Amino acid sequence: MSLNSTYFSPSAKTTDTHCDKAQEPRMSHDSPQNESECGSARRVSREWWLHVGLLCIPLLAVYLHIPPPQLSPALNTWRSSGHFLTFRGNNIFYKESAGVVGSSDVLLLLHGFPTSSYDWYKIWDSLTQRFNRVIALDFLGFGFSDKPRPHRYSIFEQASVVEALVAHLGLSEQRINILSHDYGDTVALELLYRSDHNRSGHITINSLCLSNGGIFPETHHPRFVQKVLKDSGFISPVLTRLINFQLFSRGIRDVFGPYTQPTEAEFWDMWTGIRFNDGNLVMDSILQYINQRLKHRERWVGTLTSTSTPLHMIYGPLDPVNPHPEFIQLYQKLVQRSTLSVLDEHVSHYPQLEDPTGFFNAYLSFINSF
């Protein structure tokens, strides 16, 4: 008897049904022939699943050990031009460029999840023509920085990483302009809280510009994969190993506008930054920042609404993570001292990548206004 004829055919279905009935006490008078057929069907089913399991085990083992992609020339150049800071035994990547001579203005760039400082490459040169020093880092667990595991990643720790970097660069007494995006927005708000409350080791913030960050839990809509990874407990480490380039690119493509999609090479650069140092394996731990935003909403939203620091928001209105108009209406209601730039209607969650010219001009107008 073949597998196809037994397991998938209508007759097999009839046999299975009959086998089920054979388990009922009232059918205990079934003939020995029927019992033999039931036993044969069960053995074939067990053998089929055994074969599937034996086939999947080596395939899964090979898949889970796929090496990370090689750095593209552009990524390699970005990394080669950077430096490393040691923070609590971990290496933190940062990049710094000297810009305008005669200006003392310093700009610090804070990137979003799940990418890296490379998010700023399209406007980097333009920024160096306005500021004396432009600095960007990869947060712990991101990009070229170390990605320890197991590790309890937190917004508070990332803020301390930033403070350590500023001190390392000798800028503790300097007034710092911060430009942030997404995850970086929340790190910036923690830094703002420490600055406004004169916490020890704090950064003195000269200005803060946010962009498309989920700073309000009530208007934040994480992607499905993010929700699964952050709430799946012991299953999450398994799921992080199963994420590949196809799944990643399909998910992140949805947070770009239809006319502002990255190229295939740009998607690969994002994915390569994640896979570097096995960063895909810590994504579930990092994603706890979503829960931290909810838990510490009063602290971070409170400082946003009460600060006297100059504030600006650059917003891509097609963002499905922080959708229009709910997000921007709440922002304008709560943060009345802030100015606002809403970009073209086709720009989504990554405005600095989707509309670098519009993004830079909006930021330049803000920074030159005070």
Protein backbone atom coordinates (compact mmCIF):
# COMPACT_ATOMS: atom_id res chain seq x y z
CA MET A 1 0.00 0.00 0.00
CA SER A 2 1.57 3.36 -1.11
CA LEU A 3 1.72 6.52 1.03
CA ASN A 4 -0.43 8.46 -1.44
CA SER A 5 -3.14 5.87 -1.67
CA THR A 6 -3.29 5.37 2.07
CA TYR A 7 -2.71 8.81 3.57
CA PHE A 8 -4.27 11.20 1.11
CA SER A 9 -6.94 9.26 -0.74
CA PRO A 10 -10.68 9.25 0.08
CA SER A 11 -10.37 5.62 1.06
CA ALA A 12 -7.74 6.59 3.65
CA LYS A 13 -10.16 9.13 5.05
CA THR A 14 -12.79 6.45 5.32
CA THR A 15 -10.32 4.16 7.03
CA ASP A 16 -9.30 6.90 9.48
CA THR A 17 -12.93 7.58 10.30
CA HIS A 18 -13.54 3.93 10.79
CA CYS A 19 -10.42 3.67 12.96
CA ASP A 20 -11.72 6.50 15.13
CA LYS A 21 -14.99 4.73 15.52
CA ALA A 22 -13.15 1.57 16.41
CA GLN A 23 -12.04 3.29 19.59
CA GLU A 24 -15.62 3.62 20.79
CA PRO A 25 -16.76 0.85 23.18
CA ARG A 26 -19.89 0.13 21.21
CA MET A 27 -17.83 -0.71 18.13
CA SER A 28 -15.62 -3.21 19.91
CA HIS A 29 -17.14 -5.97 17.75
CA ASP A 30 -15.25 -4.69 14.61
CA SER A 31 -13.60 -7.48 12.69
CA PRO A 32 -9.86 -8.27 13.01
CA GLN A 33 -9.46 -7.18 9.37
CA ASN A 34 -10.67 -3.66 10.22
CA GLU A 35 -8.34 -3.49 13.21
CA SER A 36 -5.45 -4.50 10.99
CA GLU A 37 -6.26 -1.79 8.46
CA CYS A 38 -6.43 0.81 11.26
CA GLY A 39 -3.07 -0.24 12.61
CA SER A 40 -1.53 -0.09 9.16
CA ALA A 41 -2.85 3.44 8.54
CA ARG A 42 -1.46 4.64 11.86
CA ARG A 43 1.96 3.14 11.12
CA VAL A 44 2.08 4.82 7.71
CA SER A 45 1.13 8.17 9.29
CA ARG A 46 3.80 7.83 11.96
CA GLU A 47 6.42 6.89 9.35
CA TRP A 48 5.46 9.91 7.23
CA TRP A 49 5.91 12.35 10.10
CA LEU A 50 9.16 10.64 11.07
CA HIS A 51 10.51 11.18 7.55
CA VAL A 52 9.45 14.82 7.63
CA GLY A 53 11.18 15.30 10.97
CA LEU A 54 14.38 13.62 9.84
CA LEU A 55 14.42 15.83 6.74
CA CYS A 56 13.75 19.06 8.64
CA ILE A 57 16.38 18.59 11.35
CA PRO A 58 19.45 18.89 9.09
CA LEU A 59 17.81 21.64 7.01
CA LEU A 60 17.02 23.65 10.16
CA ALA A 61 20.51 23.08 11.52
CA VAL A 62 22.05 24.40 8.30
CA TYR A 63 19.64 27.34 8.19
CA LEU A 64 20.35 28.49 11.72
CA HIS A 65 24.06 28.61 11.00
CA ILE A 66 23.89 30.67 7.83
CA PRO A 67 26.72 33.20 8.13
CA PRO A 68 25.83 36.92 8.05
CA PRO A 69 26.12 38.71 4.71
CA GLN A 70 29.33 40.50 3.84
CA LEU A 71 29.49 44.25 4.35
CA SER A 72 28.78 46.22 1.21
CA PRO A 73 31.46 48.73 0.13
CA ALA A 74 29.29 51.55 1.49
CA LEU A 75 28.79 49.89 4.86
CA ASN A 76 32.45 48.97 5.06
CA THR A 77 33.43 52.59 4.41
CA TRP A 78 31.02 53.78 7.12
CA ARG A 79 32.48 51.33 9.63
CA SER A 80 36.08 52.08 8.69
CA SER A 81 35.53 55.80 9.27
CA GLY A 82 34.19 55.22 12.78
CA HIS A 83 35.60 54.54 16.24
CA PHE A 84 34.74 52.47 19.30
CA LEU A 85 34.02 53.39 22.90
CA THR A 86 34.03 50.80 25.70
CA PHE A 87 30.92 50.98 27.86
CA ARG A 88 30.64 48.51 30.75
CA GLY A 89 32.77 46.00 28.87
CA ASN A 90 30.94 46.39 25.54
CA ASN A 91 32.18 48.12 22.39
CA ILE A 92 30.01 50.98 21.14
CA PHE A 93 30.49 52.13 17.56
CA TYR A 94 30.34 55.82 16.78
CA LYS A 95 31.17 58.08 13.88
CA GLU A 96 32.26 61.70 14.14
CA SER A 97 32.97 64.32 11.50
CA ALA A 98 34.44 67.77 11.88
CA GLY A 99 32.39 70.27 9.96
CA VAL A 100 32.14 74.05 9.74
CA VAL A 101 35.19 75.94 10.98
CA GLY A 102 34.33 78.79 13.32
CA SER A 103 31.08 77.24 14.58
CA SER A 104 30.84 75.63 17.99
CA ASP A 105 27.54 73.87 17.32
CA VAL A 106 27.49 70.13 18.05
CA LEU A 107 24.88 67.74 16.66
CA LEU A 108 24.18 64.28 18.05
CA LEU A 109 22.16 61.81 15.93
CA LEU A 110 20.11 59.01 17.52
CA HIS A 111 18.84 56.27 15.20
CA GLY A 112 15.76 54.05 15.31
CA PHE A 113 14.83 50.37 15.58
CA PRO A 114 15.99 47.99 14.15
CA THR A 115 18.60 49.80 12.08
CA SER A 116 21.71 51.85 12.93
CA SER A 117 23.64 55.11 12.59
CA TYR A 118 23.82 54.39 8.86
CA ASP A 119 20.23 55.70 8.70
CA TRP A 120 21.77 59.19 8.60
CA TYR A 121 24.12 58.68 5.65
CA LYS A 122 21.95 60.55 3.12
CA ILE A 123 22.09 63.80 5.09
CA TRP A 124 25.49 63.38 6.76
CA ASP A 125 27.44 65.62 4.40
CA SER A 126 24.78 68.32 4.49
CA LEU A 127 24.82 68.32 8.30
CA THR A 128 28.61 68.69 8.40
CA GLN A 129 28.23 71.90 6.37
CA ARG A 130 26.12 73.41 9.17
CA PHE A 131 27.62 72.03 12.39
CA ASN A 132 31.12 72.06 13.80
CA ARG A 133 30.86 68.44 14.95
CA VAL A 134 28.39 65.79 13.85
CA ILE A 135 28.24 62.59 15.92
CA ALA A 136 26.24 59.40 15.48
CA LEU A 137 26.41 56.12 17.37
CA ASP A 138 25.04 52.62 17.15
CA PHE A 139 23.13 51.87 20.33
CA LEU A 140 24.10 48.77 22.29
CA GLY A 141 22.59 45.82 20.41
CA PHE A 142 22.50 47.66 17.07
CA GLY A 143 24.68 48.04 13.99
CA PHE A 144 28.42 47.65 14.60
CA SER A 145 28.16 47.87 18.39
CA ASP A 146 28.34 44.79 20.59
CA LYS A 147 25.14 42.79 21.02
CA PRO A 148 25.44 40.92 24.31
CA ARG A 149 23.05 38.12 25.15
CA PRO A 150 21.42 37.38 27.43
CA HIS A 151 21.05 41.04 28.33
CA ARG A 152 18.27 43.26 29.63
CA TYR A 153 18.24 46.09 27.10
CA SER A 154 16.59 49.30 28.24
CA ILE A 155 16.07 52.90 27.21
CA PHE A 156 17.76 53.96 30.46
CA GLU A 157 20.92 52.07 29.58
CA GLN A 158 20.98 53.51 26.06
CA ALA A 159 20.74 57.02 27.51
CA SER A 160 23.72 56.21 29.73
CA VAL A 161 25.61 54.99 26.66
CA VAL A 162 25.01 58.38 25.03
CA GLU A 163 26.14 60.25 28.13
CA ALA A 164 29.32 58.13 28.26
CA LEU A 165 30.03 58.92 24.61
CA VAL A 166 29.58 62.67 25.14
CA ALA A 167 31.94 62.53 28.14
CA HIS A 168 34.43 60.44 26.14
CA LEU A 169 34.49 63.12 23.44
CA GLY A 170 35.07 65.87 25.99
CA LEU A 171 31.69 67.50 25.38
CA SER A 172 30.20 67.31 28.88
CA GLU A 173 30.24 71.10 29.21
CA GLN A 174 29.00 71.69 25.66
CA ARG A 175 25.39 72.41 24.76
CA ILE A 176 24.27 69.57 22.48
CA ASN A 177 21.69 69.61 19.68
CA ILE A 178 19.93 66.26 19.33
CA LEU A 179 18.26 64.96 16.18
CA SER A 180 16.51 61.62 16.70
CA HIS A 181 14.28 59.10 14.99
CA ASP A 182 11.91 56.36 16.21
CA TYR A 183 13.60 54.39 19.04
CA GLY A 184 16.06 57.26 19.31
CA ASP A 185 13.18 59.61 20.15
CA THR A 186 12.54 57.77 23.40
CA VAL A 187 16.25 57.71 24.28
CA ALA A 188 16.27 61.46 23.60
CA LEU A 189 13.32 61.98 25.96
CA GLU A 190 15.16 60.15 28.75
CA LEU A 191 18.18 62.37 28.11
CA LEU A 192 15.87 65.40 28.18
CA TYR A 193 14.39 64.27 31.50
CA ARG A 194 17.88 63.93 33.02
CA SER A 195 18.93 67.30 31.64
CA ASP A 196 15.83 69.12 32.90
CA HIS A 197 16.17 67.51 36.33
CA ASN A 198 19.92 68.20 36.50
CA ARG A 199 20.81 64.56 37.00
CA SER A 200 24.49 63.74 37.60
CA GLY A 201 26.37 63.18 34.34
CA HIS A 202 23.56 64.57 32.24
CA ILE A 203 23.92 66.17 28.82
CA THR A 204 23.07 69.84 28.48
CA ILE A 205 20.60 69.86 25.61
CA ASN A 206 20.49 72.95 23.43
CA SER A 207 17.65 71.73 21.18
CA LEU A 208 15.76 68.55 20.39
CA CYS A 209 14.22 67.49 17.08
CA LEU A 210 12.18 64.27 17.01
CA SER A 211 10.97 62.33 13.99
CA ASN A 212 8.34 59.59 13.62
CA GLY A 213 8.87 57.98 17.01
CA GLY A 214 6.19 56.10 18.95
CA ILE A 215 6.43 58.44 21.91
CA PHE A 216 2.71 58.08 22.72
CA PRO A 217 1.77 54.46 23.51
CA GLU A 218 -1.88 55.19 22.73
CA THR A 219 -1.13 56.12 19.10
CA HIS A 220 1.69 53.64 18.53
CA HIS A 221 0.98 50.62 16.32
CA PRO A 222 3.91 48.16 16.36
CA ARG A 223 4.28 45.81 13.43
CA PHE A 224 2.96 42.26 13.84
CA VAL A 225 6.45 40.73 14.07
CA GLN A 226 7.42 43.23 16.77
CA LYS A 227 4.39 42.30 18.88
CA VAL A 228 5.08 38.58 18.46
CA LEU A 229 8.76 38.87 19.37
CA LYS A 230 8.29 41.08 22.44
CA ASP A 231 5.51 38.97 24.00
CA SER A 232 6.35 35.36 23.10
CA GLY A 233 8.49 34.55 26.14
CA PHE A 234 10.67 31.49 25.80
CA ILE A 235 9.58 31.04 22.16
CA SER A 236 11.07 34.39 21.12
CA PRO A 237 14.69 33.15 20.94
CA VAL A 238 13.53 30.49 18.47
CA LEU A 239 11.60 33.00 16.39
CA THR A 240 14.56 35.40 16.16
CA ARG A 241 16.61 32.60 14.58
CA LEU A 242 13.96 32.03 11.96
CA ILE A 243 13.90 35.61 10.66
CA ASN A 244 15.67 35.86 7.30
CA PHE A 245 16.21 38.58 4.71
CA GLN A 246 12.95 37.83 2.92
CA LEU A 247 10.87 38.16 6.09
CA PHE A 248 12.78 41.25 7.19
CA SER A 249 12.55 43.07 3.87
CA ARG A 250 8.86 42.27 3.51
CA GLY A 251 8.16 43.71 6.95
CA ILE A 252 10.25 46.86 6.74
CA ARG A 253 9.07 47.59 3.19
CA ASP A 254 5.64 48.27 4.68
CA VAL A 255 6.92 51.25 6.70
CA PHE A 256 8.22 53.04 3.61
CA GLY A 257 5.97 54.93 1.23
CA PRO A 258 5.04 53.32 -2.11
CA TYR A 259 7.10 55.89 -4.01
CA THR A 260 9.99 56.09 -1.54
CA GLN A 261 11.00 52.44 -1.30
CA PRO A 262 14.67 51.60 -0.65
CA THR A 263 16.63 49.78 -3.32
CA GLU A 264 17.41 46.10 -2.91
CA ALA A 265 20.99 47.07 -1.98
CA GLU A 266 19.68 49.40 0.74
CA PHE A 267 17.48 46.66 2.17
CA TRP A 268 20.53 44.41 2.27
CA ASP A 269 22.55 47.08 4.08
CA MET A 270 19.84 47.30 6.75
CA TRP A 271 19.72 43.53 7.12
CA THR A 272 23.52 43.25 7.21
CA GLY A 273 23.63 45.76 10.06
CA ILE A 274 21.14 43.64 11.99
CA ARG A 275 22.95 40.35 11.33
CA PHE A 276 26.35 41.83 12.27
CA ASN A 277 27.40 40.33 15.63
CA ASP A 278 24.22 38.18 15.56
CA GLY A 279 21.96 41.15 16.19
CA ASN A 280 18.90 39.23 15.05
CA LEU A 281 19.22 37.12 18.20
CA VAL A 282 18.72 40.09 20.55
CA MET A 283 15.76 41.72 18.81
CA ASP A 284 13.24 40.23 21.23
CA SER A 285 15.15 41.68 24.20
CA ILE A 286 15.51 45.11 22.61
CA LEU A 287 11.80 45.20 21.75
CA GLN A 288 10.96 45.44 25.43
CA TYR A 289 11.34 49.18 24.84
CA ILE A 290 7.72 49.13 23.66
CA ASN A 291 6.62 47.96 27.10
CA GLN A 292 8.99 50.46 28.72
CA ARG A 293 7.33 53.31 26.82
CA LEU A 294 4.00 52.36 28.33
CA LYS A 295 5.39 51.86 31.84
CA HIS A 296 7.28 55.16 31.87
CA ARG A 297 4.87 57.24 29.81
CA GLU A 298 4.39 59.83 32.55
CA ARG A 299 8.14 60.34 32.86
CA TRP A 300 8.88 60.75 29.15
CA VAL A 301 5.72 62.40 27.87
CA GLY A 302 5.68 64.55 30.98
CA THR A 303 9.13 65.98 30.32
CA LEU A 304 8.20 66.55 26.68
CA THR A 305 5.22 68.67 27.69
CA SER A 306 7.00 70.62 30.43
CA THR A 307 10.49 71.32 29.06
CA SER A 308 11.68 74.76 28.08
CA THR A 309 14.19 73.29 25.59
CA PRO A 310 13.46 74.26 21.95
CA LEU A 311 11.52 71.38 20.34
CA HIS A 312 10.66 70.40 16.80
CA MET A 313 8.96 67.41 15.16
CA ILE A 314 9.63 66.28 11.58
CA TYR A 315 6.88 63.91 10.50
CA GLY A 316 6.30 61.61 7.55
CA PRO A 317 2.47 61.45 7.41
CA LEU A 318 2.15 58.06 5.69
CA ASP A 319 3.63 56.31 8.73
CA PRO A 320 1.61 53.16 9.65
CA VAL A 321 3.43 52.88 12.99
CA ASN A 322 2.44 56.38 14.15
CA PRO A 323 -0.51 57.06 11.86
CA HIS A 324 -1.84 60.37 10.65
CA PRO A 325 -3.81 62.22 11.88
CA GLU A 326 -4.07 60.59 15.34
CA PHE A 327 -0.39 60.90 16.20
CA ILE A 328 0.16 64.45 15.05
CA GLN A 329 -3.11 65.70 16.58
CA LEU A 330 -2.11 64.32 19.96
CA TYR A 331 1.39 65.77 19.60
CA GLN A 332 0.02 69.25 18.86
CA LYS A 333 -2.44 68.98 21.73
CA LEU A 334 0.12 67.93 24.34
CA VAL A 335 3.32 69.62 23.14
CA GLN A 336 2.16 73.14 22.49
CA ARG A 337 5.59 74.77 22.61
CA SER A 338 6.96 72.64 19.77
CA THR A 339 7.16 73.59 16.13
CA LEU A 340 6.25 71.05 13.46
CA SER A 341 7.21 70.09 9.90
CA VAL A 342 4.94 67.66 8.04
CA LEU A 343 6.67 66.34 4.93
CA ASP A 344 5.21 65.25 1.59
CA GLU A 345 2.16 62.99 1.82
CA HIS A 346 4.09 60.08 0.29
CA VAL A 347 6.75 60.06 3.04
CA SER A 348 6.36 57.39 5.71
CA HIS A 349 8.27 56.15 8.78
CA TYR A 350 11.87 56.84 7.63
CA PRO A 351 11.69 60.49 6.50
CA GLN A 352 15.46 61.04 6.54
CA LEU A 353 15.86 58.21 4.03
CA GLU A 354 12.69 58.77 2.00
CA ASP A 355 12.97 62.54 1.59
CA PRO A 356 16.49 63.56 2.68
CA THR A 357 16.28 67.01 1.07
CA GLY A 358 12.92 67.85 2.63
CA PHE A 359 14.05 66.43 5.96
CA PHE A 360 17.29 68.41 6.00
CA ASN A 361 15.60 71.66 4.97
CA ALA A 362 12.98 71.23 7.69
CA TYR A 363 15.67 70.67 10.30
CA LEU A 364 17.76 73.57 9.03
CA SER A 365 14.77 75.92 9.31
CA PHE A 366 14.26 74.83 12.91
CA ILE A 367 17.92 75.04 14.00
CA ASN A 368 18.32 78.49 12.43
CA SER A 369 15.20 79.83 14.14
CA PHE A 370 16.74 80.41 17.56
